[in-house]
Amino acid sequence: MAILLALFSVPSFFQVDYNHVMADGISRSNKWVIWPLLQAVVWGALLLIYLRSRTEIPGSAWLASLGRWSYSTYIWHILIVTLLKNKRLWMSP
């Protein structure tokens, strides 16, 4: 958290100029490219910590079930849309 606060205190560190140093709101600094790398390192560390731990996230079984249904809906929708299109019931040319 201290790193994040320190980065926000530096004018024009990010791609978007949150401190309004530039008139158009876009940072001219090339240092903003460090932020995606820093984010990737932090999320990767968080993922490794979770994978190495023996604890479960509360509600993880429910979230897994929700994800399974969501993915199934995503996969099936293209087949249904194609069938409806071929039967000319929907999306006629």
C-alpha atoms as a PDB file:
ATOM      1  CA  MET A   1       0.000   0.000   0.000  1.00  0.00           C
ATOM      2  CA  ALA A   2       2.885   2.342   0.750  1.00  0.00           C
ATOM      3  CA  ILE A   3       4.297   1.743  -2.737  1.00  0.00           C
ATOM      4  CA  LEU A   4       0.962   2.633  -4.311  1.00  0.00           C
ATOM      5  CA  LEU A   5       0.698   5.840  -2.267  1.00  0.00           C
ATOM      6  CA  ALA A   6       4.256   6.757  -3.197  1.00  0.00           C
ATOM      7  CA  LEU A   7       3.540   6.211  -6.902  1.00  0.00           C
ATOM      8  CA  PHE A   8       0.417   8.368  -6.779  1.00  0.00           C
ATOM      9  CA  SER A   9       2.439  11.156  -5.162  1.00  0.00           C
ATOM     10  CA  VAL A  10       4.775  11.318  -8.194  1.00  0.00           C
ATOM     11  CA  PRO A  11       3.277  13.667 -10.782  1.00  0.00           C
ATOM     12  CA  SER A  12       2.560  11.978 -14.126  1.00  0.00           C
ATOM     13  CA  PHE A  13       3.770   8.503 -13.108  1.00  0.00           C
ATOM     14  CA  PHE A  14       0.833   6.713 -14.702  1.00  0.00           C
ATOM     15  CA  GLN A  15      -0.227   6.908 -18.346  1.00  0.00           C
ATOM     16  CA  VAL A  16      -3.198   9.019 -17.300  1.00  0.00           C
ATOM     17  CA  ASP A  17      -2.088  12.180 -15.540  1.00  0.00           C
ATOM     18  CA  TYR A  18      -4.058  11.964 -12.277  1.00  0.00           C
ATOM     19  CA  ASN A  19      -2.329  15.047 -10.866  1.00  0.00           C
ATOM     20  CA  HIS A  20      -3.357  17.237 -13.829  1.00  0.00           C
ATOM     21  CA  VAL A  21       0.178  18.403 -14.554  1.00  0.00           C
ATOM     22  CA  MET A  22      -0.450  18.273 -18.309  1.00  0.00           C
ATOM     23  CA  ALA A  23      -3.334  20.172 -19.879  1.00  0.00           C
ATOM     24  CA  ASP A  24      -4.585  17.177 -21.906  1.00  0.00           C
ATOM     25  CA  GLY A  25      -4.376  14.739 -18.987  1.00  0.00           C
ATOM     26  CA  ILE A  26      -1.889  12.376 -20.657  1.00  0.00           C
ATOM     27  CA  SER A  27       1.452  11.761 -19.000  1.00  0.00           C
ATOM     28  CA  ARG A  28       4.591  12.486 -21.005  1.00  0.00           C
ATOM     29  CA  SER A  29       6.705  10.381 -18.658  1.00  0.00           C
ATOM     30  CA  ASN A  30       7.989   7.038 -19.913  1.00  0.00           C
ATOM     31  CA  LYS A  31       8.044   5.699 -16.340  1.00  0.00           C
ATOM     32  CA  TRP A  32       4.347   4.753 -16.452  1.00  0.00           C
ATOM     33  CA  VAL A  33       5.261   1.475 -18.183  1.00  0.00           C
ATOM     34  CA  ILE A  34       6.558   0.225 -14.822  1.00  0.00           C
ATOM     35  CA  TRP A  35       3.006   0.097 -13.404  1.00  0.00           C
ATOM     36  CA  PRO A  36       1.756  -2.917 -15.452  1.00  0.00           C
ATOM     37  CA  LEU A  37       4.917  -4.820 -14.492  1.00  0.00           C
ATOM     38  CA  LEU A  38       4.417  -3.979 -10.828  1.00  0.00           C
ATOM     39  CA  GLN A  39       0.791  -5.072 -11.028  1.00  0.00           C
ATOM     40  CA  ALA A  40       1.743  -8.357 -12.690  1.00  0.00           C
ATOM     41  CA  VAL A  41       4.333  -9.096 -10.007  1.00  0.00           C
ATOM     42  CA  VAL A  42       1.893  -8.369  -7.176  1.00  0.00           C
ATOM     43  CA  TRP A  43      -0.927 -10.470  -8.697  1.00  0.00           C
ATOM     44  CA  GLY A  44       1.519 -13.294  -9.446  1.00  0.00           C
ATOM     45  CA  ALA A  45       2.771 -13.248  -5.857  1.00  0.00           C
ATOM     46  CA  LEU A  46      -0.807 -13.282  -4.576  1.00  0.00           C
ATOM     47  CA  LEU A  47      -1.618 -16.247  -6.795  1.00  0.00           C
ATOM     48  CA  LEU A  48       1.447 -18.176  -5.650  1.00  0.00           C
ATOM     49  CA  ILE A  49       0.637 -17.478  -2.001  1.00  0.00           C
ATOM     50  CA  TYR A  50      -2.900 -18.770  -2.531  1.00  0.00           C
ATOM     51  CA  LEU A  51      -1.745 -21.893  -4.392  1.00  0.00           C
ATOM     52  CA  ARG A  52       0.814 -22.744  -1.698  1.00  0.00           C
ATOM     53  CA  SER A  53      -1.624 -22.263   1.177  1.00  0.00           C
ATOM     54  CA  ARG A  54      -3.898 -24.946   2.543  1.00  0.00           C
ATOM     55  CA  THR A  55      -6.811 -22.655   3.287  1.00  0.00           C
ATOM     56  CA  GLU A  56      -9.933 -22.340   1.191  1.00  0.00           C
ATOM     57  CA  ILE A  57     -11.631 -19.173   0.113  1.00  0.00           C
ATOM     58  CA  PRO A  58     -15.073 -18.960   1.755  1.00  0.00           C
ATOM     59  CA  GLY A  59     -17.730 -19.705  -0.852  1.00  0.00           C
ATOM     60  CA  SER A  60     -15.248 -21.118  -3.355  1.00  0.00           C
ATOM     61  CA  ALA A  61     -17.472 -24.108  -4.178  1.00  0.00           C
ATOM     62  CA  TRP A  62     -20.354 -21.753  -4.962  1.00  0.00           C
ATOM     63  CA  LEU A  63     -18.091 -19.546  -7.118  1.00  0.00           C
ATOM     64  CA  ALA A  64     -16.818 -22.623  -8.995  1.00  0.00           C
ATOM     65  CA  SER A  65     -20.396 -23.717  -9.683  1.00  0.00           C
ATOM     66  CA  LEU A  66     -21.301 -20.240 -10.898  1.00  0.00           C
ATOM     67  CA  GLY A  67     -18.262 -20.219 -13.178  1.00  0.00           C
ATOM     68  CA  ARG A  68     -19.174 -23.622 -14.599  1.00  0.00           C
ATOM     69  CA  TRP A  69     -22.691 -22.448 -15.475  1.00  0.00           C
ATOM     70  CA  SER A  70     -21.403 -19.176 -16.885  1.00  0.00           C
ATOM     71  CA  TYR A  71     -18.898 -20.930 -19.137  1.00  0.00           C
ATOM     72  CA  SER A  72     -21.526 -23.442 -20.266  1.00  0.00           C
ATOM     73  CA  THR A  73     -23.850 -20.603 -21.252  1.00  0.00           C
ATOM     74  CA  TYR A  74     -21.006 -18.921 -23.114  1.00  0.00           C
ATOM     75  CA  ILE A  75     -20.166 -22.087 -25.042  1.00  0.00           C
ATOM     76  CA  TRP A  76     -23.772 -22.988 -25.923  1.00  0.00           C
ATOM     77  CA  HIS A  77     -24.942 -19.540 -27.014  1.00  0.00           C
ATOM     78  CA  ILE A  78     -23.088 -19.626 -30.361  1.00  0.00           C
ATOM     79  CA  LEU A  79     -24.741 -22.928 -31.292  1.00  0.00           C
ATOM     80  CA  ILE A  80     -28.193 -21.609 -30.409  1.00  0.00           C
ATOM     81  CA  VAL A  81     -27.650 -18.338 -32.281  1.00  0.00           C
ATOM     82  CA  THR A  82     -26.416 -20.245 -35.347  1.00  0.00           C
ATOM     83  CA  LEU A  83     -29.408 -22.605 -35.293  1.00  0.00           C
ATOM     84  CA  LEU A  84     -31.851 -19.731 -34.983  1.00  0.00           C
ATOM     85  CA  LYS A  85     -30.116 -17.883 -37.787  1.00  0.00           C
ATOM     86  CA  ASN A  86     -30.190 -20.940 -40.058  1.00  0.00           C
ATOM     87  CA  LYS A  87     -33.887 -21.501 -39.362  1.00  0.00           C
ATOM     88  CA  ARG A  88     -34.474 -17.819 -40.159  1.00  0.00           C
ATOM     89  CA  LEU A  89     -36.204 -17.379 -36.841  1.00  0.00           C
ATOM     90  CA  TRP A  90     -33.893 -14.602 -35.829  1.00  0.00           C
ATOM     91  CA  MET A  91     -31.360 -12.222 -37.340  1.00  0.00           C
ATOM     92  CA  SER A  92     -32.566 -12.518 -40.906  1.00  0.00           C
ATOM     93  CA  PRO A  93     -30.182 -11.004 -43.496  1.00  0.00           C
END
